[in-house]
Structures are given as structure tokens and as C-alpha cells.
Amino acid sequence: MGKELILIGIVVVAGIGVSRLWMSRRKGWSIVLCLLVAALVTSLARRWQIDLSGAA
């Protein structure tokens, strides 16, 4: 359960960062950050063998 909470924390912190970048009219950087976080979360989930199929 601890690893799932780490993934949730990463998503929450990144969401705040994307939101702040988007509001400061740095839309390009917010898209890049969003894609990097998505890649990080999926790779960590695969490494830790966490099933993300129901996380929609």
C-alpha cells in the first residue's frame, strides 16, 4: 500500500505543478511535465508490479 501512496503523491504534486505552469501561460512546459510524469508513474507501476487498469 505504501508504493501506491507514493504514486498518488507524485501525481498530486505534478498536478499542482502543471496547473501553475498552465496558469502562468507556460502551456508548453506544462504539457512536457504532464507527459514526463505519466511516463514516470507508468514505469514505476510496472517496476513495482502495480496494476493501473482500474485507475481511470
C-alpha atoms as a PDB file:
ATOM      1  CA  MET A   1       0.000   0.000   0.000  1.00  0.00           C
ATOM      2  CA  GLY A   2       2.939   2.356   0.575  1.00  0.00           C
ATOM      3  CA  LYS A   3       4.059   2.295  -3.047  1.00  0.00           C
ATOM      4  CA  GLU A   4       0.576   3.190  -4.227  1.00  0.00           C
ATOM      5  CA  LEU A   5       0.615   6.204  -1.926  1.00  0.00           C
ATOM      6  CA  ILE A   6       3.958   7.286  -3.385  1.00  0.00           C
ATOM      7  CA  LEU A   7       2.452   7.155  -6.879  1.00  0.00           C
ATOM      8  CA  ILE A   8      -0.574   9.144  -5.710  1.00  0.00           C
ATOM      9  CA  GLY A   9       1.730  11.728  -4.135  1.00  0.00           C
ATOM     10  CA  ILE A  10       3.719  12.063  -7.352  1.00  0.00           C
ATOM     11  CA  VAL A  11       0.526  12.605  -9.342  1.00  0.00           C
ATOM     12  CA  VAL A  12      -0.820  15.190  -6.881  1.00  0.00           C
ATOM     13  CA  VAL A  13       2.407  17.213  -6.735  1.00  0.00           C
ATOM     14  CA  ALA A  14       2.810  17.061 -10.503  1.00  0.00           C
ATOM     15  CA  GLY A  15      -0.810  18.110 -10.963  1.00  0.00           C
ATOM     16  CA  ILE A  16      -0.186  21.201  -8.876  1.00  0.00           C
ATOM     17  CA  GLY A  17       2.926  21.950 -10.919  1.00  0.00           C
ATOM     18  CA  VAL A  18       1.114  21.502 -14.224  1.00  0.00           C
ATOM     19  CA  SER A  19      -1.707  23.729 -13.029  1.00  0.00           C
ATOM     20  CA  ARG A  20       0.681  26.512 -12.007  1.00  0.00           C
ATOM     21  CA  LEU A  21       2.588  26.299 -15.280  1.00  0.00           C
ATOM     22  CA  TRP A  22      -0.664  26.340 -17.255  1.00  0.00           C
ATOM     23  CA  MET A  23      -1.959  29.403 -15.425  1.00  0.00           C
ATOM     24  CA  SER A  24       1.343  31.264 -15.928  1.00  0.00           C
ATOM     25  CA  ARG A  25       0.906  30.840 -19.701  1.00  0.00           C
ATOM     26  CA  ARG A  26       3.714  28.307 -19.985  1.00  0.00           C
ATOM     27  CA  LYS A  27       1.496  25.757 -21.651  1.00  0.00           C
ATOM     28  CA  GLY A  28       4.337  24.052 -23.489  1.00  0.00           C
ATOM     29  CA  TRP A  29       6.209  23.290 -20.280  1.00  0.00           C
ATOM     30  CA  SER A  30       3.028  22.075 -18.604  1.00  0.00           C
ATOM     31  CA  ILE A  31       2.440  19.581 -21.410  1.00  0.00           C
ATOM     32  CA  VAL A  32       6.046  18.376 -21.177  1.00  0.00           C
ATOM     33  CA  LEU A  33       5.757  17.975 -17.397  1.00  0.00           C
ATOM     34  CA  CYS A  34       2.464  16.101 -17.752  1.00  0.00           C
ATOM     35  CA  LEU A  35       3.978  13.644 -20.249  1.00  0.00           C
ATOM     36  CA  LEU A  36       7.103  13.103 -18.135  1.00  0.00           C
ATOM     37  CA  VAL A  37       5.040  12.396 -15.032  1.00  0.00           C
ATOM     38  CA  ALA A  38       2.821   9.974 -16.937  1.00  0.00           C
ATOM     39  CA  ALA A  39       5.922   8.115 -18.137  1.00  0.00           C
ATOM     40  CA  LEU A  40       7.399   8.094 -14.623  1.00  0.00           C
ATOM     41  CA  VAL A  41       4.216   6.804 -12.985  1.00  0.00           C
ATOM     42  CA  THR A  42       3.687   4.047 -15.541  1.00  0.00           C
ATOM     43  CA  SER A  43       7.315   2.914 -15.368  1.00  0.00           C
ATOM     44  CA  LEU A  44       7.263   2.855 -11.549  1.00  0.00           C
ATOM     45  CA  ALA A  45       3.967   0.975 -11.580  1.00  0.00           C
ATOM     46  CA  ARG A  46       5.428  -1.638 -13.914  1.00  0.00           C
ATOM     47  CA  ARG A  47       8.599  -1.952 -11.836  1.00  0.00           C
ATOM     48  CA  TRP A  48       6.616  -2.284  -8.600  1.00  0.00           C
ATOM     49  CA  GLN A  49       4.027  -4.559 -10.279  1.00  0.00           C
ATOM     50  CA  ILE A  50       1.079  -2.291  -9.544  1.00  0.00           C
ATOM     51  CA  ASP A  51      -1.988  -2.773 -11.727  1.00  0.00           C
ATOM     52  CA  LEU A  52      -3.234   0.554 -13.100  1.00  0.00           C
ATOM     53  CA  SER A  53      -6.094  -0.879 -15.155  1.00  0.00           C
ATOM     54  CA  GLY A  54      -8.774   0.393 -12.771  1.00  0.00           C
ATOM     55  CA  ALA A  55      -7.233   3.825 -12.232  1.00  0.00           C
ATOM     56  CA  ALA A  56      -9.359   5.710 -14.731  1.00  0.00           C
END
